[in-house]
Amino acid sequence: MLYVFRKIYYSKVKGMKLKMGRSIISEGKTTNEAIEKGLKELNVSKNMVDIKVLENEEKRSFFSILAPRVVKVQLTLKENKNQQDNEKREKKEIALSKEDQQKSKDNVEKFLKDFFEKVESKAQYNVSIDNNCLNININDKSLGFLIGYRGETLYAFQNILSSIATKGLENRVRVILDIEGYKAKREKALEDLAEKLANTVIKTKKPVTLEPMQAYERKIIHTKLQNSDKVETRSIGEEPRRKVVIELKRK
């Protein structure tokens, strides 16, 4: 089934370009020199990137003391820059005409029909338009492979469907996909987890770091605890290993 999934995906979205976060490794005789070279290559300012020193000029062994001094740093465009770009694109999505909305819906329905025929599934699905957004609900308990671990496959499939919906249109179409009510179940599980860990932090007075999560899952944790008068949340690390930390509020 996964083979068919990939085959259909590549045949449908071939030639479409998807923007991804950019990360480069830069070298120099000093840390500052390596950073400056990287910033110049990315054509951005220092506050627009996360910087990680991979090799520091101060950590040199006796045997490498005579070797040329090289410092390596990794520069990654910050997530918030990508989010701002996404927000700008989402504002353009509002301009869809009735004709474009119908065309995007037809694109998705044709794709889903072909897809489920290929995987020999009798899944029931519904595609509706709400506020210039395509809502897709699929019901079939045999489609667990389309949800994946912690919904990773579901959100990848959602991005694919967004590209399919946008085919032949000038503006990107927003798609919200749910399979067997997974999103509501996952949101409830994360809210319960946030509440449980917040109580643990209050009891032990020690911060708790959750496992890496996708941005939409981190947002659920942050939102659930944002009105707490005892704990606060923050995100640490770099994508795709970014984590939420729950800790006591600072006085």
C-alpha atoms as a PDB file:
ATOM      1  CA  MET A   1       0.000   0.000   0.000  1.00  0.00           C
ATOM      2  CA  LEU A   2       2.781   2.440   0.870  1.00  0.00           C
ATOM      3  CA  TYR A   3       4.394   1.755  -2.512  1.00  0.00           C
ATOM      4  CA  VAL A   4       1.164   2.685  -4.281  1.00  0.00           C
ATOM      5  CA  PHE A   5       0.835   5.762  -2.063  1.00  0.00           C
ATOM      6  CA  ARG A   6       4.275   7.010  -3.128  1.00  0.00           C
ATOM      7  CA  LYS A   7       3.668   6.175  -6.781  1.00  0.00           C
ATOM      8  CA  ILE A   8       0.424   8.145  -6.915  1.00  0.00           C
ATOM      9  CA  TYR A   9       1.975  11.039  -5.020  1.00  0.00           C
ATOM     10  CA  TYR A  10       4.911  11.439  -7.394  1.00  0.00           C
ATOM     11  CA  SER A  11       2.730  11.119 -10.479  1.00  0.00           C
ATOM     12  CA  LYS A  12       0.333  13.796  -9.247  1.00  0.00           C
ATOM     13  CA  VAL A  13       2.688  16.394  -7.787  1.00  0.00           C
ATOM     14  CA  LYS A  14       5.626  16.006 -10.146  1.00  0.00           C
ATOM     15  CA  GLY A  15       7.121  19.396 -10.886  1.00  0.00           C
ATOM     16  CA  MET A  16       5.571  21.140  -7.908  1.00  0.00           C
ATOM     17  CA  LYS A  17       8.115  22.865  -5.660  1.00  0.00           C
ATOM     18  CA  LEU A  18       7.684  22.680  -1.884  1.00  0.00           C
ATOM     19  CA  LYS A  19       9.708  25.140   0.201  1.00  0.00           C
ATOM     20  CA  MET A  20      11.611  23.687   3.149  1.00  0.00           C
ATOM     21  CA  GLY A  21      13.699  25.208   5.908  1.00  0.00           C
ATOM     22  CA  ARG A  22      17.331  25.706   4.865  1.00  0.00           C
ATOM     23  CA  SER A  23      20.386  24.687   6.869  1.00  0.00           C
ATOM     24  CA  ILE A  24      24.040  25.037   5.890  1.00  0.00           C
ATOM     25  CA  ILE A  25      27.447  24.309   7.411  1.00  0.00           C
ATOM     26  CA  SER A  26      30.021  27.071   7.208  1.00  0.00           C
ATOM     27  CA  GLU A  27      33.763  27.014   7.985  1.00  0.00           C
ATOM     28  CA  GLY A  28      36.271  29.622   9.109  1.00  0.00           C
ATOM     29  CA  LYS A  29      39.446  30.180  11.126  1.00  0.00           C
ATOM     30  CA  THR A  30      37.314  31.529  13.997  1.00  0.00           C
ATOM     31  CA  THR A  31      33.706  31.099  15.068  1.00  0.00           C
ATOM     32  CA  ASN A  32      32.838  34.650  14.036  1.00  0.00           C
ATOM     33  CA  GLU A  33      34.408  34.187  10.617  1.00  0.00           C
ATOM     34  CA  ALA A  34      32.475  30.956  10.036  1.00  0.00           C
ATOM     35  CA  ILE A  35      29.212  32.615  11.093  1.00  0.00           C
ATOM     36  CA  GLU A  36      29.775  35.645   8.849  1.00  0.00           C
ATOM     37  CA  LYS A  37      30.470  33.413   5.845  1.00  0.00           C
ATOM     38  CA  GLY A  38      27.287  31.448   6.512  1.00  0.00           C
ATOM     39  CA  LEU A  39      25.161  34.583   6.893  1.00  0.00           C
ATOM     40  CA  LYS A  40      26.527  35.915   3.614  1.00  0.00           C
ATOM     41  CA  GLU A  41      25.708  32.648   1.818  1.00  0.00           C
ATOM     42  CA  LEU A  42      22.144  32.606   3.199  1.00  0.00           C
ATOM     43  CA  ASN A  43      21.821  36.360   2.637  1.00  0.00           C
ATOM     44  CA  VAL A  44      20.196  36.911   6.048  1.00  0.00           C
ATOM     45  CA  SER A  45      20.994  38.734   9.298  1.00  0.00           C
ATOM     46  CA  LYS A  46      22.210  36.978  12.456  1.00  0.00           C
ATOM     47  CA  ASN A  47      18.862  37.254  14.265  1.00  0.00           C
ATOM     48  CA  MET A  48      17.180  35.233  11.506  1.00  0.00           C
ATOM     49  CA  VAL A  49      19.123  32.012  12.118  1.00  0.00           C
ATOM     50  CA  ASP A  50      19.843  29.458  14.847  1.00  0.00           C
ATOM     51  CA  ILE A  51      23.585  28.874  15.210  1.00  0.00           C
ATOM     52  CA  LYS A  52      25.218  25.648  16.380  1.00  0.00           C
ATOM     53  CA  VAL A  53      28.989  25.335  16.729  1.00  0.00           C
ATOM     54  CA  LEU A  54      30.059  21.932  15.400  1.00  0.00           C
ATOM     55  CA  GLU A  55      33.796  22.350  15.880  1.00  0.00           C
ATOM     56  CA  ASN A  56      35.233  24.959  18.223  1.00  0.00           C
ATOM     57  CA  GLU A  57      38.715  26.398  17.763  1.00  0.00           C
ATOM     58  CA  GLU A  58      39.291  26.123  21.526  1.00  0.00           C
ATOM     59  CA  LYS A  59      38.790  22.337  21.610  1.00  0.00           C
ATOM     60  CA  ARG A  60      42.012  21.179  19.974  1.00  0.00           C
ATOM     61  CA  SER A  61      43.956  18.097  21.022  1.00  0.00           C
ATOM     62  CA  PHE A  62      47.738  17.823  21.309  1.00  0.00           C
ATOM     63  CA  PHE A  63      47.905  15.800  18.085  1.00  0.00           C
ATOM     64  CA  SER A  64      45.942  18.366  16.068  1.00  0.00           C
ATOM     65  CA  ILE A  65      47.738  21.437  17.340  1.00  0.00           C
ATOM     66  CA  LEU A  66      49.829  21.717  14.163  1.00  0.00           C
ATOM     67  CA  ALA A  67      46.866  21.190  11.819  1.00  0.00           C
ATOM     68  CA  PRO A  68      45.193  24.194  10.143  1.00  0.00           C
ATOM     69  CA  ARG A  69      42.626  25.763  12.442  1.00  0.00           C
ATOM     70  CA  VAL A  70      39.076  25.247  11.172  1.00  0.00           C
ATOM     71  CA  VAL A  71      35.808  26.036  12.924  1.00  0.00           C
ATOM     72  CA  LYS A  72      32.528  24.588  11.632  1.00  0.00           C
ATOM     73  CA  VAL A  73      29.113  26.066  12.459  1.00  0.00           C
ATOM     74  CA  GLN A  74      25.620  25.092  11.376  1.00  0.00           C
ATOM     75  CA  LEU A  75      23.203  27.896  10.475  1.00  0.00           C
ATOM     76  CA  THR A  76      19.488  27.110  10.244  1.00  0.00           C
ATOM     77  CA  LEU A  77      16.778  29.563   9.235  1.00  0.00           C
ATOM     78  CA  LYS A  78      14.526  30.125  12.244  1.00  0.00           C
ATOM     79  CA  GLU A  79      11.066  28.558  12.385  1.00  0.00           C
ATOM     80  CA  ASN A  80       9.307  31.842  13.030  1.00  0.00           C
ATOM     81  CA  LYS A  81      10.494  33.204   9.692  1.00  0.00           C
ATOM     82  CA  ASN A  82       8.882  30.245   7.942  1.00  0.00           C
ATOM     83  CA  GLN A  83       5.721  30.732  10.013  1.00  0.00           C
ATOM     84  CA  GLN A  84       5.535  34.383   8.962  1.00  0.00           C
ATOM     85  CA  ASP A  85       5.902  33.350   5.329  1.00  0.00           C
ATOM     86  CA  ASN A  86       3.163  30.747   5.807  1.00  0.00           C
ATOM     87  CA  GLU A  87       0.883  33.342   7.401  1.00  0.00           C
ATOM     88  CA  LYS A  88       1.392  35.628   4.410  1.00  0.00           C
ATOM     89  CA  ARG A  89       0.532  32.795   2.035  1.00  0.00           C
ATOM     90  CA  GLU A  90      -2.534  31.891   4.094  1.00  0.00           C
ATOM     91  CA  LYS A  91      -3.825  35.441   3.762  1.00  0.00           C
ATOM     92  CA  LYS A  92      -3.731  35.014  -0.028  1.00  0.00           C
ATOM     93  CA  GLU A  93      -5.813  31.849   0.278  1.00  0.00           C
ATOM     94  CA  ILE A  94      -8.844  33.956   1.270  1.00  0.00           C
ATOM     95  CA  ALA A  95      -9.049  35.337  -2.286  1.00  0.00           C
ATOM     96  CA  LEU A  96     -10.277  32.063  -3.837  1.00  0.00           C
ATOM     97  CA  SER A  97     -13.214  32.539  -6.179  1.00  0.00           C
ATOM     98  CA  LYS A  98     -16.191  30.179  -6.189  1.00  0.00           C
ATOM     99  CA  GLU A  99     -14.868  28.719  -9.425  1.00  0.00           C
ATOM    100  CA  ASP A 100     -11.407  28.083  -7.919  1.00  0.00           C
ATOM    101  CA  GLN A 101     -12.946  26.552  -4.810  1.00  0.00           C
ATOM    102  CA  GLN A 102     -14.910  24.101  -6.930  1.00  0.00           C
ATOM    103  CA  LYS A 103     -11.868  23.321  -9.066  1.00  0.00           C
ATOM    104  CA  SER A 104      -9.742  22.579  -5.989  1.00  0.00           C
ATOM    105  CA  LYS A 105     -12.487  20.326  -4.642  1.00  0.00           C
ATOM    106  CA  ASP A 106     -12.712  18.476  -7.969  1.00  0.00           C
ATOM    107  CA  ASN A 107      -8.917  18.024  -7.996  1.00  0.00           C
ATOM    108  CA  VAL A 108      -8.941  16.419  -4.556  1.00  0.00           C
ATOM    109  CA  GLU A 109     -11.995  14.221  -5.148  1.00  0.00           C
ATOM    110  CA  LYS A 110     -10.500  12.830  -8.367  1.00  0.00           C
ATOM    111  CA  PHE A 111      -7.201  12.113  -6.624  1.00  0.00           C
ATOM    112  CA  LEU A 112      -8.882  10.375  -3.676  1.00  0.00           C
ATOM    113  CA  LYS A 113     -11.027   8.284  -5.999  1.00  0.00           C
ATOM    114  CA  ASP A 114      -7.919   7.095  -7.909  1.00  0.00           C
ATOM    115  CA  PHE A 115      -5.961   6.591  -4.702  1.00  0.00           C
ATOM    116  CA  PHE A 116      -8.515   4.391  -2.945  1.00  0.00           C
ATOM    117  CA  GLU A 117      -9.022   2.354  -6.109  1.00  0.00           C
ATOM    118  CA  LYS A 118      -5.272   1.690  -6.232  1.00  0.00           C
ATOM    119  CA  VAL A 119      -5.103   0.587  -2.593  1.00  0.00           C
ATOM    120  CA  GLU A 120      -8.323  -1.406  -3.023  1.00  0.00           C
ATOM    121  CA  SER A 121     -10.048   0.374  -0.167  1.00  0.00           C
ATOM    122  CA  LYS A 122     -13.763   1.095   0.203  1.00  0.00           C
ATOM    123  CA  ALA A 123     -13.077   4.050   2.478  1.00  0.00           C
ATOM    124  CA  GLN A 124     -15.814   6.637   2.868  1.00  0.00           C
ATOM    125  CA  TYR A 125     -14.674  10.234   2.512  1.00  0.00           C
ATOM    126  CA  ASN A 126     -16.248  13.666   2.427  1.00  0.00           C
ATOM    127  CA  VAL A 127     -14.806  16.851   0.927  1.00  0.00           C
ATOM    128  CA  SER A 128     -16.449  20.141   1.866  1.00  0.00           C
ATOM    129  CA  ILE A 129     -15.575  23.829   1.494  1.00  0.00           C
ATOM    130  CA  ASP A 130     -15.687  26.094   4.540  1.00  0.00           C
ATOM    131  CA  ASN A 131     -14.268  29.618   4.532  1.00  0.00           C
ATOM    132  CA  ASN A 132     -12.140  28.900   1.450  1.00  0.00           C
ATOM    133  CA  CYS A 133     -10.644  25.845   3.159  1.00  0.00           C
ATOM    134  CA  LEU A 134     -11.111  22.240   2.059  1.00  0.00           C
ATOM    135  CA  ASN A 135     -12.151  19.965   4.911  1.00  0.00           C
ATOM    136  CA  ILE A 136     -11.543  16.281   4.198  1.00  0.00           C
ATOM    137  CA  ASN A 137     -12.799  13.541   6.491  1.00  0.00           C
ATOM    138  CA  ILE A 138     -11.921   9.918   5.778  1.00  0.00           C
ATOM    139  CA  ASN A 139     -13.458   6.977   7.637  1.00  0.00           C
ATOM    140  CA  ASP A 140     -11.953   3.517   7.404  1.00  0.00           C
ATOM    141  CA  LYS A 141     -10.353   1.646  10.290  1.00  0.00           C
ATOM    142  CA  SER A 142      -7.996  -0.134   7.866  1.00  0.00           C
ATOM    143  CA  LEU A 143      -6.244   3.149   7.004  1.00  0.00           C
ATOM    144  CA  GLY A 144      -4.010   3.307  10.048  1.00  0.00           C
ATOM    145  CA  PHE A 145      -1.008   3.432   7.701  1.00  0.00           C
ATOM    146  CA  LEU A 146      -2.224   6.869   6.566  1.00  0.00           C
ATOM    147  CA  ILE A 147      -2.070   8.186  10.133  1.00  0.00           C
ATOM    148  CA  GLY A 148       1.362   6.880  11.084  1.00  0.00           C
ATOM    149  CA  TYR A 149       3.297   7.439  14.290  1.00  0.00           C
ATOM    150  CA  ARG A 150       1.855  10.433  16.152  1.00  0.00           C
ATOM    151  CA  GLY A 151       0.068  11.536  12.968  1.00  0.00           C
ATOM    152  CA  GLU A 152       3.241  12.158  10.944  1.00  0.00           C
ATOM    153  CA  THR A 153       1.909  10.385   7.838  1.00  0.00           C
ATOM    154  CA  LEU A 154      -1.479  12.082   8.150  1.00  0.00           C
ATOM    155  CA  TYR A 155       0.087  15.542   8.072  1.00  0.00           C
ATOM    156  CA  ALA A 156       2.372  14.585   5.184  1.00  0.00           C
ATOM    157  CA  PHE A 157      -0.709  13.349   3.282  1.00  0.00           C
ATOM    158  CA  GLN A 158      -2.472  16.605   4.153  1.00  0.00           C
ATOM    159  CA  ASN A 159       0.371  18.573   2.537  1.00  0.00           C
ATOM    160  CA  ILE A 160       0.145  16.393  -0.562  1.00  0.00           C
ATOM    161  CA  LEU A 161      -3.601  16.998  -0.805  1.00  0.00           C
ATOM    162  CA  SER A 162      -3.002  20.732  -0.481  1.00  0.00           C
ATOM    163  CA  SER A 163      -0.639  20.561  -3.463  1.00  0.00           C
ATOM    164  CA  ILE A 164      -3.192  18.509  -5.401  1.00  0.00           C
ATOM    165  CA  ALA A 165      -5.960  21.003  -4.571  1.00  0.00           C
ATOM    166  CA  THR A 166      -3.785  23.918  -5.722  1.00  0.00           C
ATOM    167  CA  LYS A 167      -2.989  22.383  -9.137  1.00  0.00           C
ATOM    168  CA  GLY A 168      -3.948  24.839 -11.881  1.00  0.00           C
ATOM    169  CA  LEU A 169      -4.649  27.679  -9.425  1.00  0.00           C
ATOM    170  CA  GLU A 170      -2.655  30.821  -8.640  1.00  0.00           C
ATOM    171  CA  ASN A 171      -3.198  30.782  -4.859  1.00  0.00           C
ATOM    172  CA  ARG A 172      -2.429  27.939  -2.485  1.00  0.00           C
ATOM    173  CA  VAL A 173      -5.451  26.087  -1.098  1.00  0.00           C
ATOM    174  CA  ARG A 174      -5.566  25.266   2.586  1.00  0.00           C
ATOM    175  CA  VAL A 175      -6.552  21.677   3.359  1.00  0.00           C
ATOM    176  CA  ILE A 176      -7.543  20.209   6.733  1.00  0.00           C
ATOM    177  CA  LEU A 177      -7.515  16.410   6.754  1.00  0.00           C
ATOM    178  CA  ASP A 178      -8.777  14.076   9.463  1.00  0.00           C
ATOM    179  CA  ILE A 179      -8.891  10.274   9.443  1.00  0.00           C
ATOM    180  CA  GLU A 180     -11.185   8.343  11.789  1.00  0.00           C
ATOM    181  CA  GLY A 181     -11.392  11.373  14.112  1.00  0.00           C
ATOM    182  CA  TYR A 182      -7.668  11.074  14.918  1.00  0.00           C
ATOM    183  CA  LYS A 183      -7.057  14.793  15.467  1.00  0.00           C
ATOM    184  CA  ALA A 184      -9.707  15.198  18.155  1.00  0.00           C
ATOM    185  CA  LYS A 185      -8.423  12.091  19.965  1.00  0.00           C
ATOM    186  CA  ARG A 186      -4.801  13.258  19.759  1.00  0.00           C
ATOM    187  CA  GLU A 187      -5.688  16.761  20.959  1.00  0.00           C
ATOM    188  CA  LYS A 188      -7.533  15.334  23.975  1.00  0.00           C
ATOM    189  CA  ALA A 189      -4.590  13.025  24.784  1.00  0.00           C
ATOM    190  CA  LEU A 190      -2.119  15.940  24.629  1.00  0.00           C
ATOM    191  CA  GLU A 191      -4.315  18.173  26.790  1.00  0.00           C
ATOM    192  CA  ASP A 192      -4.586  15.425  29.412  1.00  0.00           C
ATOM    193  CA  LEU A 193      -0.815  14.924  29.250  1.00  0.00           C
ATOM    194  CA  ALA A 194      -0.177  18.653  29.680  1.00  0.00           C
ATOM    195  CA  GLU A 195      -2.411  18.781  32.743  1.00  0.00           C
ATOM    196  CA  LYS A 196      -0.816  15.692  34.289  1.00  0.00           C
ATOM    197  CA  LEU A 197       2.744  16.931  33.753  1.00  0.00           C
ATOM    198  CA  ALA A 198       1.860  20.400  35.049  1.00  0.00           C
ATOM    199  CA  ASN A 199       0.722  18.804  38.321  1.00  0.00           C
ATOM    200  CA  THR A 200       3.986  16.843  38.430  1.00  0.00           C
ATOM    201  CA  VAL A 201       5.994  20.048  38.014  1.00  0.00           C
ATOM    202  CA  ILE A 202       4.023  21.774  40.781  1.00  0.00           C
ATOM    203  CA  LYS A 203       4.509  18.800  43.110  1.00  0.00           C
ATOM    204  CA  THR A 204       8.237  18.193  42.469  1.00  0.00           C
ATOM    205  CA  LYS A 205       9.129  21.831  41.698  1.00  0.00           C
ATOM    206  CA  LYS A 206      11.265  20.511  38.839  1.00  0.00           C
ATOM    207  CA  PRO A 207      10.790  21.273  35.114  1.00  0.00           C
ATOM    208  CA  VAL A 208       9.690  18.538  32.729  1.00  0.00           C
ATOM    209  CA  THR A 209      10.847  18.278  29.115  1.00  0.00           C
ATOM    210  CA  LEU A 210       8.534  16.482  26.710  1.00  0.00           C
ATOM    211  CA  GLU A 211       9.673  14.387  23.762  1.00  0.00           C
ATOM    212  CA  PRO A 212      10.115  16.120  20.373  1.00  0.00           C
ATOM    213  CA  MET A 213       6.819  17.181  18.818  1.00  0.00           C
ATOM    214  CA  GLN A 214       5.578  18.773  15.639  1.00  0.00           C
ATOM    215  CA  ALA A 215       4.587  22.432  15.774  1.00  0.00           C
ATOM    216  CA  TYR A 216       0.833  21.771  15.882  1.00  0.00           C
ATOM    217  CA  GLU A 217       1.270  19.438  18.895  1.00  0.00           C
ATOM    218  CA  ARG A 218       3.457  21.934  20.765  1.00  0.00           C
ATOM    219  CA  LYS A 219       0.778  24.560  20.209  1.00  0.00           C
ATOM    220  CA  ILE A 220      -1.810  22.325  21.912  1.00  0.00           C
ATOM    221  CA  ILE A 221       0.427  22.021  25.008  1.00  0.00           C
ATOM    222  CA  HIS A 222       1.134  25.768  25.095  1.00  0.00           C
ATOM    223  CA  THR A 223      -2.551  26.662  24.677  1.00  0.00           C
ATOM    224  CA  LYS A 224      -3.712  24.239  27.370  1.00  0.00           C
ATOM    225  CA  LEU A 225      -1.373  25.708  30.002  1.00  0.00           C
ATOM    226  CA  GLN A 226      -1.249  29.354  28.910  1.00  0.00           C
ATOM    227  CA  ASN A 227      -3.674  30.495  31.610  1.00  0.00           C
ATOM    228  CA  SER A 228      -2.039  28.575  34.457  1.00  0.00           C
ATOM    229  CA  ASP A 229      -0.953  30.744  37.372  1.00  0.00           C
ATOM    230  CA  LYS A 230       1.651  28.205  38.529  1.00  0.00           C
ATOM    231  CA  VAL A 231       3.432  26.850  35.455  1.00  0.00           C
ATOM    232  CA  GLU A 232       4.584  28.155  32.092  1.00  0.00           C
ATOM    233  CA  THR A 233       5.782  26.569  28.862  1.00  0.00           C
ATOM    234  CA  ARG A 234       8.497  27.246  26.320  1.00  0.00           C
ATOM    235  CA  SER A 235       9.999  25.469  23.322  1.00  0.00           C
ATOM    236  CA  ILE A 236      13.656  24.510  23.014  1.00  0.00           C
ATOM    237  CA  GLY A 237      15.861  22.881  20.392  1.00  0.00           C
ATOM    238  CA  GLU A 238      15.754  22.865  16.622  1.00  0.00           C
ATOM    239  CA  GLU A 239      13.343  21.281  14.167  1.00  0.00           C
ATOM    240  CA  PRO A 240      12.538  18.487  13.799  1.00  0.00           C
ATOM    241  CA  ARG A 241      13.617  17.749  17.410  1.00  0.00           C
ATOM    242  CA  ARG A 242      12.020  20.792  19.021  1.00  0.00           C
ATOM    243  CA  LYS A 243      10.534  20.115  22.484  1.00  0.00           C
ATOM    244  CA  VAL A 244       8.231  21.731  25.025  1.00  0.00           C
ATOM    245  CA  VAL A 245       9.444  22.455  28.550  1.00  0.00           C
ATOM    246  CA  ILE A 246       6.927  22.828  31.391  1.00  0.00           C
ATOM    247  CA  GLU A 247       8.303  24.652  34.431  1.00  0.00           C
ATOM    248  CA  LEU A 248       7.241  26.683  37.461  1.00  0.00           C
ATOM    249  CA  LYS A 249       6.452  30.315  36.759  1.00  0.00           C
ATOM    250  CA  ARG A 250       9.248  32.651  37.705  1.00  0.00           C
ATOM    251  CA  LYS A 251       8.400  35.092  40.447  1.00  0.00           C
END
